[in-house]
N, C-alpha and C. Protein backbone atom coordinates (compact mmCIF):
# COMPACT_ATOMS: atom_id res chain seq x y z
N UNK A 1 -9.21 -18.01 -11.86
CA UNK A 1 -9.29 -16.58 -12.08
C UNK A 1 -8.41 -15.88 -11.05
N UNK A 2 -7.53 -14.97 -11.51
CA UNK A 2 -6.63 -14.30 -10.56
C UNK A 2 -7.39 -13.38 -9.61
N UNK A 3 -6.85 -13.26 -8.41
CA UNK A 3 -7.42 -12.35 -7.42
C UNK A 3 -7.16 -10.91 -7.85
N UNK A 4 -8.06 -9.99 -7.53
CA UNK A 4 -7.83 -8.58 -7.84
C UNK A 4 -6.66 -8.01 -7.05
N UNK A 5 -6.01 -7.01 -7.63
CA UNK A 5 -4.90 -6.32 -6.95
C UNK A 5 -5.40 -5.01 -6.37
N UNK A 6 -5.16 -4.83 -5.09
CA UNK A 6 -5.55 -3.62 -4.36
C UNK A 6 -4.29 -2.87 -3.94
N UNK A 7 -4.16 -1.62 -4.34
CA UNK A 7 -3.08 -0.78 -3.84
C UNK A 7 -3.62 -0.04 -2.63
N UNK A 8 -2.92 -0.14 -1.52
CA UNK A 8 -3.32 0.55 -0.29
C UNK A 8 -2.28 1.63 -0.04
N UNK A 9 -2.72 2.88 -0.01
CA UNK A 9 -1.75 3.97 0.08
C UNK A 9 -2.35 5.19 0.77
N UNK A 10 -1.50 5.90 1.51
CA UNK A 10 -1.82 7.24 2.00
C UNK A 10 -0.82 8.16 1.32
N UNK A 11 -1.33 9.19 0.67
CA UNK A 11 -0.42 10.14 0.02
C UNK A 11 -0.97 11.55 0.16
N UNK A 12 -0.06 12.50 0.03
CA UNK A 12 -0.42 13.91 0.05
C UNK A 12 -0.90 14.33 -1.33
N UNK A 13 -1.48 15.52 -1.43
CA UNK A 13 -1.94 16.05 -2.72
C UNK A 13 -0.81 16.04 -3.76
N UNK A 14 0.43 16.27 -3.34
CA UNK A 14 1.57 16.26 -4.24
C UNK A 14 2.17 14.86 -4.40
N UNK A 15 1.42 13.83 -4.00
CA UNK A 15 1.74 12.41 -4.18
C UNK A 15 2.84 11.91 -3.24
N UNK A 16 3.30 12.70 -2.29
CA UNK A 16 4.32 12.27 -1.34
C UNK A 16 3.76 11.15 -0.47
N UNK A 17 4.57 10.08 -0.30
CA UNK A 17 4.21 8.98 0.59
C UNK A 17 5.26 8.77 1.68
N UNK A 18 6.43 9.39 1.54
CA UNK A 18 7.47 9.17 2.53
C UNK A 18 8.54 10.23 2.53
N UNK A 19 9.28 10.24 3.64
CA UNK A 19 10.44 11.13 3.79
C UNK A 19 11.42 10.44 4.72
N UNK A 20 12.63 10.25 4.24
CA UNK A 20 13.69 9.62 5.04
C UNK A 20 13.28 8.24 5.55
N UNK A 21 12.58 7.47 4.71
CA UNK A 21 12.20 6.11 5.07
C UNK A 21 11.04 5.99 6.04
N UNK A 22 10.33 7.09 6.28
CA UNK A 22 9.21 7.08 7.22
C UNK A 22 8.00 7.79 6.60
N UNK A 23 6.83 7.58 7.20
CA UNK A 23 5.68 8.39 6.81
C UNK A 23 5.94 9.83 7.23
N UNK A 24 5.59 10.80 6.40
CA UNK A 24 5.87 12.20 6.76
C UNK A 24 4.76 12.84 7.60
N UNK A 25 3.87 12.04 8.16
CA UNK A 25 2.79 12.55 9.01
C UNK A 25 2.45 11.47 10.03
N UNK A 26 1.73 11.86 11.04
CA UNK A 26 1.23 10.92 12.05
C UNK A 26 -0.28 11.13 12.13
N UNK A 27 -1.01 10.24 11.49
CA UNK A 27 -2.48 10.34 11.47
C UNK A 27 -3.01 9.01 12.04
N UNK A 28 -3.29 8.98 13.34
CA UNK A 28 -3.73 7.73 13.97
C UNK A 28 -4.94 7.09 13.28
N UNK A 29 -5.91 7.89 12.85
CA UNK A 29 -7.09 7.32 12.19
C UNK A 29 -6.71 6.59 10.90
N UNK A 30 -5.75 7.13 10.17
CA UNK A 30 -5.29 6.46 8.95
C UNK A 30 -4.56 5.16 9.27
N UNK A 31 -3.74 5.16 10.31
CA UNK A 31 -3.03 3.93 10.69
C UNK A 31 -4.04 2.84 11.10
N UNK A 32 -5.07 3.22 11.83
CA UNK A 32 -6.10 2.26 12.21
C UNK A 32 -6.82 1.73 10.96
N UNK A 33 -7.13 2.62 10.04
CA UNK A 33 -7.77 2.24 8.77
C UNK A 33 -6.88 1.27 8.00
N UNK A 34 -5.59 1.58 7.90
CA UNK A 34 -4.64 0.73 7.19
C UNK A 34 -4.56 -0.66 7.82
N UNK A 35 -4.41 -0.70 9.13
CA UNK A 35 -4.29 -2.00 9.82
C UNK A 35 -5.58 -2.82 9.70
N UNK A 36 -6.71 -2.16 9.81
CA UNK A 36 -8.00 -2.85 9.67
C UNK A 36 -8.17 -3.38 8.23
N UNK A 37 -7.80 -2.58 7.23
CA UNK A 37 -7.95 -2.96 5.83
C UNK A 37 -7.06 -4.14 5.46
N UNK A 38 -5.85 -4.19 6.02
CA UNK A 38 -4.89 -5.23 5.64
C UNK A 38 -4.94 -6.46 6.54
N UNK A 39 -5.64 -6.40 7.67
CA UNK A 39 -5.70 -7.54 8.59
C UNK A 39 -6.29 -8.76 7.88
N UNK A 40 -5.63 -9.90 8.05
CA UNK A 40 -6.10 -11.15 7.46
C UNK A 40 -5.85 -11.28 5.97
N UNK A 41 -5.11 -10.34 5.39
CA UNK A 41 -4.90 -10.34 3.94
C UNK A 41 -3.44 -10.67 3.60
N UNK A 42 -3.18 -10.87 2.33
CA UNK A 42 -1.83 -11.02 1.83
C UNK A 42 -1.32 -9.63 1.48
N UNK A 43 -0.20 -9.23 2.08
CA UNK A 43 0.37 -7.91 1.82
C UNK A 43 1.67 -8.06 1.05
N UNK A 44 1.77 -7.34 -0.06
CA UNK A 44 2.96 -7.35 -0.91
C UNK A 44 3.65 -6.01 -0.71
N UNK A 45 4.93 -6.06 -0.35
CA UNK A 45 5.64 -4.83 -0.06
C UNK A 45 7.13 -4.99 -0.32
N UNK A 46 7.79 -3.87 -0.49
CA UNK A 46 9.24 -3.87 -0.66
C UNK A 46 9.95 -4.04 0.67
N UNK A 47 11.26 -4.28 0.59
CA UNK A 47 12.05 -4.55 1.78
C UNK A 47 12.06 -3.37 2.76
N UNK A 48 12.18 -2.14 2.27
CA UNK A 48 12.23 -0.98 3.17
C UNK A 48 10.92 -0.87 3.94
N UNK A 49 9.79 -1.02 3.25
CA UNK A 49 8.48 -0.99 3.94
C UNK A 49 8.40 -2.11 4.97
N UNK A 50 8.87 -3.29 4.60
CA UNK A 50 8.88 -4.43 5.51
C UNK A 50 9.68 -4.11 6.77
N UNK A 51 10.85 -3.51 6.59
CA UNK A 51 11.72 -3.25 7.74
C UNK A 51 11.18 -2.13 8.63
N UNK A 52 10.29 -1.28 8.11
CA UNK A 52 9.71 -0.23 8.95
C UNK A 52 8.37 -0.64 9.55
N UNK A 53 7.94 -1.88 9.28
CA UNK A 53 6.67 -2.39 9.79
C UNK A 53 6.96 -3.65 10.60
N UNK A 54 7.43 -3.50 11.84
CA UNK A 54 7.92 -4.65 12.61
C UNK A 54 6.88 -5.72 12.91
N UNK A 55 5.60 -5.38 12.93
CA UNK A 55 4.58 -6.36 13.29
C UNK A 55 3.68 -6.68 12.10
N UNK A 56 4.27 -6.72 10.91
CA UNK A 56 3.49 -6.94 9.69
C UNK A 56 2.69 -8.24 9.74
N UNK A 57 3.20 -9.26 10.39
CA UNK A 57 2.52 -10.56 10.41
C UNK A 57 1.40 -10.66 11.44
N UNK A 58 1.25 -9.64 12.27
CA UNK A 58 0.15 -9.68 13.24
C UNK A 58 -1.19 -9.57 12.52
N UNK A 59 -2.24 -9.91 13.19
CA UNK A 59 -3.60 -9.81 12.67
C UNK A 59 -3.81 -10.65 11.42
N UNK A 60 -3.04 -11.74 11.30
CA UNK A 60 -3.27 -12.69 10.21
C UNK A 60 -2.74 -12.26 8.86
N UNK A 61 -1.93 -11.20 8.80
CA UNK A 61 -1.37 -10.78 7.51
C UNK A 61 -0.33 -11.80 7.05
N UNK A 62 -0.30 -12.01 5.74
CA UNK A 62 0.70 -12.89 5.13
C UNK A 62 1.59 -12.03 4.23
N UNK A 63 2.77 -11.64 4.71
CA UNK A 63 3.62 -10.75 3.93
C UNK A 63 4.39 -11.48 2.83
N UNK A 64 4.48 -10.81 1.69
CA UNK A 64 5.34 -11.23 0.59
C UNK A 64 6.24 -10.03 0.32
N UNK A 65 7.53 -10.18 0.60
CA UNK A 65 8.48 -9.07 0.55
C UNK A 65 9.34 -9.19 -0.71
N UNK A 66 9.39 -8.10 -1.47
CA UNK A 66 10.19 -8.07 -2.69
C UNK A 66 11.57 -7.54 -2.32
N UNK A 67 12.57 -8.38 -2.54
CA UNK A 67 13.94 -8.02 -2.18
C UNK A 67 14.93 -8.86 -2.98
N UNK A 68 16.10 -8.30 -3.18
CA UNK A 68 17.16 -9.07 -3.83
C UNK A 68 17.99 -9.83 -2.80
N UNK A 69 17.71 -9.62 -1.52
CA UNK A 69 18.46 -10.29 -0.46
C UNK A 69 17.49 -10.95 0.51
N UNK A 70 17.11 -12.19 0.21
CA UNK A 70 16.10 -12.89 1.02
C UNK A 70 16.59 -13.18 2.44
N UNK A 71 17.90 -13.09 2.70
CA UNK A 71 18.40 -13.34 4.06
C UNK A 71 17.94 -12.25 5.04
N UNK A 72 17.44 -11.13 4.52
CA UNK A 72 16.94 -10.05 5.38
C UNK A 72 15.49 -10.26 5.80
N UNK A 73 14.85 -11.30 5.29
CA UNK A 73 13.43 -11.54 5.54
C UNK A 73 13.27 -12.71 6.50
N UNK A 74 12.52 -12.48 7.57
CA UNK A 74 12.31 -13.52 8.58
C UNK A 74 10.97 -14.20 8.39
N UNK A 75 10.91 -15.52 8.62
CA UNK A 75 9.61 -16.21 8.60
C UNK A 75 8.70 -15.57 9.64
N UNK A 76 7.41 -15.54 9.40
CA UNK A 76 6.67 -16.25 8.36
C UNK A 76 6.56 -15.51 7.03
N UNK A 77 7.28 -14.41 6.87
CA UNK A 77 7.21 -13.67 5.61
C UNK A 77 7.79 -14.50 4.46
N UNK A 78 7.21 -14.35 3.29
CA UNK A 78 7.73 -14.95 2.06
C UNK A 78 8.60 -13.90 1.38
N UNK A 79 9.65 -14.33 0.68
CA UNK A 79 10.44 -13.37 -0.07
C UNK A 79 10.32 -13.69 -1.55
N UNK A 80 10.44 -12.63 -2.35
CA UNK A 80 10.36 -12.76 -3.81
C UNK A 80 11.38 -11.82 -4.42
N UNK A 81 11.95 -12.22 -5.55
CA UNK A 81 12.97 -11.41 -6.20
C UNK A 81 12.42 -10.37 -7.16
N UNK A 82 11.11 -10.40 -7.43
CA UNK A 82 10.52 -9.46 -8.38
C UNK A 82 9.04 -9.28 -8.06
N UNK A 83 8.45 -8.25 -8.65
CA UNK A 83 7.01 -8.03 -8.49
C UNK A 83 6.24 -9.22 -9.04
N UNK A 84 6.62 -9.70 -10.23
CA UNK A 84 5.90 -10.84 -10.82
C UNK A 84 5.95 -12.07 -9.93
N UNK A 85 7.12 -12.36 -9.36
CA UNK A 85 7.24 -13.51 -8.45
C UNK A 85 6.39 -13.29 -7.19
N UNK A 86 6.42 -12.07 -6.66
CA UNK A 86 5.62 -11.76 -5.46
C UNK A 86 4.14 -11.94 -5.73
N UNK A 87 3.67 -11.48 -6.89
CA UNK A 87 2.25 -11.61 -7.21
C UNK A 87 1.87 -13.06 -7.42
N UNK A 88 2.77 -13.85 -7.99
CA UNK A 88 2.52 -15.29 -8.16
C UNK A 88 2.37 -15.97 -6.79
N UNK A 89 3.27 -15.65 -5.86
CA UNK A 89 3.18 -16.20 -4.50
C UNK A 89 1.88 -15.73 -3.86
N UNK A 90 1.58 -14.44 -3.98
CA UNK A 90 0.38 -13.86 -3.35
C UNK A 90 -0.89 -14.52 -3.86
N UNK A 91 -0.93 -14.86 -5.14
CA UNK A 91 -2.12 -15.53 -5.70
C UNK A 91 -2.37 -16.87 -5.02
N UNK A 92 -1.31 -17.52 -4.53
CA UNK A 92 -1.47 -18.84 -3.91
C UNK A 92 -1.82 -18.76 -2.42
N UNK A 93 -1.77 -17.58 -1.83
CA UNK A 93 -2.06 -17.42 -0.41
C UNK A 93 -3.51 -17.01 -0.21
N UNK A 94 -3.98 -17.14 1.02
CA UNK A 94 -5.38 -16.78 1.30
C UNK A 94 -5.53 -15.28 1.45
N UNK A 95 -6.75 -14.82 1.34
CA UNK A 95 -7.06 -13.40 1.52
C UNK A 95 -6.87 -12.61 0.25
N UNK A 96 -7.24 -11.35 0.33
CA UNK A 96 -7.08 -10.43 -0.79
C UNK A 96 -5.62 -10.02 -0.90
N UNK A 97 -5.23 -9.55 -2.08
CA UNK A 97 -3.86 -9.07 -2.29
C UNK A 97 -3.84 -7.56 -2.12
N UNK A 98 -3.04 -7.12 -1.15
CA UNK A 98 -2.90 -5.70 -0.83
C UNK A 98 -1.46 -5.28 -1.10
N UNK A 99 -1.26 -4.41 -2.08
CA UNK A 99 0.06 -3.87 -2.39
C UNK A 99 0.27 -2.69 -1.45
N UNK A 100 1.33 -2.73 -0.64
CA UNK A 100 1.53 -1.73 0.42
C UNK A 100 2.78 -0.88 0.24
N UNK A 101 3.37 -0.84 -0.95
CA UNK A 101 4.50 0.04 -1.21
C UNK A 101 5.83 -0.65 -1.17
N UNK A 102 6.84 0.09 -1.38
CA UNK A 102 6.99 1.50 -1.56
C UNK A 102 6.84 1.97 -3.01
N UNK A 103 7.53 3.08 -3.28
CA UNK A 103 7.37 3.79 -4.54
C UNK A 103 7.55 2.88 -5.75
N UNK A 104 8.64 2.14 -5.83
CA UNK A 104 8.89 1.33 -7.04
C UNK A 104 7.88 0.20 -7.17
N UNK A 105 7.40 -0.35 -6.05
CA UNK A 105 6.39 -1.41 -6.10
C UNK A 105 5.08 -0.83 -6.63
N UNK A 106 4.70 0.35 -6.14
CA UNK A 106 3.50 1.02 -6.66
C UNK A 106 3.65 1.32 -8.15
N UNK A 107 4.82 1.80 -8.55
CA UNK A 107 5.04 2.12 -9.97
C UNK A 107 4.85 0.89 -10.86
N UNK A 108 5.33 -0.26 -10.38
CA UNK A 108 5.23 -1.49 -11.18
C UNK A 108 3.84 -2.10 -11.17
N UNK A 109 3.01 -1.74 -10.21
CA UNK A 109 1.71 -2.40 -10.09
C UNK A 109 0.51 -1.51 -10.42
N UNK A 110 0.71 -0.21 -10.52
CA UNK A 110 -0.42 0.70 -10.75
C UNK A 110 -1.22 0.32 -11.99
N UNK A 111 -0.54 0.05 -13.09
CA UNK A 111 -1.24 -0.27 -14.34
C UNK A 111 -2.03 -1.58 -14.25
N UNK A 112 -1.65 -2.46 -13.31
CA UNK A 112 -2.33 -3.75 -13.15
C UNK A 112 -3.41 -3.72 -12.08
N UNK A 113 -3.43 -2.64 -11.29
CA UNK A 113 -4.32 -2.57 -10.13
C UNK A 113 -5.79 -2.55 -10.53
N UNK A 114 -6.59 -3.23 -9.74
CA UNK A 114 -8.04 -3.22 -9.91
C UNK A 114 -8.67 -2.17 -9.02
N UNK A 115 -7.98 -1.82 -7.92
CA UNK A 115 -8.56 -0.93 -6.93
C UNK A 115 -7.43 -0.18 -6.22
N UNK A 116 -7.71 1.06 -5.87
CA UNK A 116 -6.81 1.83 -4.99
C UNK A 116 -7.60 2.16 -3.74
N UNK A 117 -7.08 1.74 -2.61
CA UNK A 117 -7.65 2.10 -1.31
C UNK A 117 -6.78 3.26 -0.82
N UNK A 118 -7.32 4.46 -0.95
CA UNK A 118 -6.53 5.69 -0.86
C UNK A 118 -6.92 6.54 0.33
N UNK A 119 -5.92 6.98 1.07
CA UNK A 119 -6.10 8.07 2.02
C UNK A 119 -5.38 9.25 1.40
N UNK A 120 -6.12 10.28 1.02
CA UNK A 120 -5.53 11.46 0.41
C UNK A 120 -5.44 12.55 1.47
N UNK A 121 -4.20 12.87 1.87
CA UNK A 121 -3.95 13.92 2.85
C UNK A 121 -4.00 15.25 2.10
N UNK A 122 -4.90 16.11 2.51
CA UNK A 122 -5.17 17.34 1.77
C UNK A 122 -4.18 18.42 2.18
N UNK A 123 -2.92 18.19 1.74
CA UNK A 123 -1.83 19.12 2.02
C UNK A 123 -0.70 18.82 1.04
N UNK A 124 0.16 19.81 0.84
CA UNK A 124 1.40 19.62 0.10
C UNK A 124 2.46 19.34 1.17
N UNK A 125 3.04 18.15 1.13
CA UNK A 125 3.96 17.72 2.19
C UNK A 125 5.34 17.51 1.57
N UNK A 126 6.40 18.02 2.18
CA UNK A 126 7.73 17.72 1.65
C UNK A 126 8.06 16.25 1.84
N UNK A 127 8.74 15.67 0.85
CA UNK A 127 9.12 14.28 0.96
C UNK A 127 10.06 13.87 -0.15
N UNK A 128 10.47 12.60 -0.13
CA UNK A 128 11.40 12.09 -1.13
C UNK A 128 10.91 10.80 -1.78
N UNK A 129 9.71 10.38 -1.42
CA UNK A 129 9.13 9.15 -1.97
C UNK A 129 7.70 9.46 -2.39
N UNK A 130 7.32 8.97 -3.58
CA UNK A 130 6.06 9.38 -4.18
C UNK A 130 5.22 8.20 -4.66
N UNK A 131 3.92 8.38 -4.62
CA UNK A 131 2.98 7.47 -5.26
C UNK A 131 2.90 7.92 -6.72
N UNK A 132 2.85 6.98 -7.67
CA UNK A 132 2.77 7.40 -9.07
C UNK A 132 1.46 8.12 -9.37
N UNK A 133 1.49 8.97 -10.39
CA UNK A 133 0.28 9.70 -10.79
C UNK A 133 -0.78 8.69 -11.22
N UNK A 134 -1.93 8.77 -10.60
CA UNK A 134 -3.03 7.83 -10.89
C UNK A 134 -4.24 8.53 -11.50
N UNK A 135 -4.33 9.83 -11.34
CA UNK A 135 -5.56 10.54 -11.67
C UNK A 135 -5.89 10.54 -13.16
N UNK A 136 -4.89 10.27 -14.03
CA UNK A 136 -5.15 10.24 -15.47
C UNK A 136 -5.78 8.92 -15.92
N UNK A 137 -5.73 7.91 -15.07
CA UNK A 137 -6.31 6.61 -15.41
C UNK A 137 -7.81 6.63 -15.10
N UNK A 138 -8.52 5.67 -15.65
CA UNK A 138 -9.97 5.65 -15.55
C UNK A 138 -10.41 4.93 -14.28
N UNK A 139 -10.75 5.70 -13.24
CA UNK A 139 -11.19 5.16 -11.95
C UNK A 139 -12.60 5.65 -11.64
N UNK A 140 -13.34 4.82 -10.92
CA UNK A 140 -14.65 5.20 -10.41
C UNK A 140 -14.55 5.16 -8.88
N UNK A 141 -14.92 6.26 -8.25
CA UNK A 141 -14.86 6.31 -6.79
C UNK A 141 -16.11 5.62 -6.24
N UNK A 142 -15.91 4.53 -5.48
CA UNK A 142 -17.05 3.78 -4.96
C UNK A 142 -17.27 4.02 -3.46
N UNK A 143 -16.26 4.58 -2.79
CA UNK A 143 -16.37 4.93 -1.38
C UNK A 143 -15.64 6.26 -1.19
N UNK A 144 -16.22 7.15 -0.38
CA UNK A 144 -15.54 8.41 -0.05
C UNK A 144 -16.04 8.88 1.30
N UNK A 145 -15.07 9.18 2.18
CA UNK A 145 -15.41 9.67 3.51
C UNK A 145 -14.32 10.65 3.95
N UNK A 146 -14.72 11.85 4.27
CA UNK A 146 -13.78 12.86 4.74
C UNK A 146 -13.60 12.78 6.24
N UNK A 147 -12.43 13.23 6.69
CA UNK A 147 -12.15 13.27 8.12
C UNK A 147 -11.04 14.28 8.36
N UNK A 148 -10.69 14.49 9.62
CA UNK A 148 -9.61 15.41 9.96
C UNK A 148 -9.13 15.13 11.37
N UNK A 149 -7.95 15.65 11.66
CA UNK A 149 -7.46 15.66 13.03
C UNK A 149 -6.92 17.06 13.30
N UNK A 150 -6.15 17.23 14.34
CA UNK A 150 -5.67 18.57 14.70
C UNK A 150 -4.71 19.14 13.66
N UNK A 151 -4.10 18.28 12.82
CA UNK A 151 -3.08 18.75 11.89
C UNK A 151 -3.49 18.70 10.42
N UNK A 152 -4.36 17.74 10.04
CA UNK A 152 -4.64 17.52 8.62
C UNK A 152 -6.12 17.24 8.37
N UNK A 153 -6.54 17.59 7.15
CA UNK A 153 -7.79 17.09 6.61
C UNK A 153 -7.39 15.98 5.64
N UNK A 154 -8.22 14.94 5.54
CA UNK A 154 -7.91 13.82 4.65
C UNK A 154 -9.19 13.13 4.25
N UNK A 155 -9.09 12.39 3.15
CA UNK A 155 -10.24 11.68 2.60
C UNK A 155 -9.88 10.21 2.42
N UNK A 156 -10.74 9.34 2.90
CA UNK A 156 -10.63 7.91 2.66
C UNK A 156 -11.47 7.59 1.43
N UNK A 157 -10.87 6.98 0.42
CA UNK A 157 -11.59 6.64 -0.81
C UNK A 157 -11.23 5.24 -1.24
N UNK A 158 -12.14 4.63 -1.99
CA UNK A 158 -11.84 3.41 -2.72
C UNK A 158 -12.14 3.72 -4.18
N UNK A 159 -11.11 3.57 -5.00
CA UNK A 159 -11.24 3.80 -6.44
C UNK A 159 -11.18 2.46 -7.15
N UNK A 160 -12.12 2.23 -8.01
CA UNK A 160 -12.19 0.96 -8.76
C UNK A 160 -11.90 1.27 -10.22
N UNK A 161 -11.03 0.47 -10.83
CA UNK A 161 -10.68 0.70 -12.23
C UNK A 161 -11.88 0.43 -13.12
N UNK A 162 -12.10 1.31 -14.07
CA UNK A 162 -13.13 1.13 -15.09
C UNK A 162 -12.43 0.51 -16.29
N UNK A 163 -12.84 -0.69 -16.64
CA UNK A 163 -12.17 -1.40 -17.75
C UNK A 163 -12.99 -1.31 -19.00
């Protein structure tokens, strides 16, 4: 039986997830949540996300990087030429499968996802990279916790697909 697919994402109300190859906000509590959630798991991500996460392999993470140029990927990361190949590799590794972006990876996996582990930043943020629209799909919220810092209010949620 295949392992469930979890999309892990922080996005603004307008679905922005990035600007100029970086997160468009600095929310330490969300970064801690992200690192805790992905520790010890298999993380599937695109090359740009991989290159902006220098310590992806720490805390027992097993990265599977989707790229057309595997020479850019250093061990212990695995490289894959497509989402399907990455998911096949991820199924053979230990831990849960956590899809960690970017935009095109989320677009290709949203319809297959079993769960979205979402940090929703309650603001309209300018950006150039987006999470695909998910709200029209049938999700059940199984976890919800609000929080804030000096700059933003945000909600940590886990959405489970209703099949």
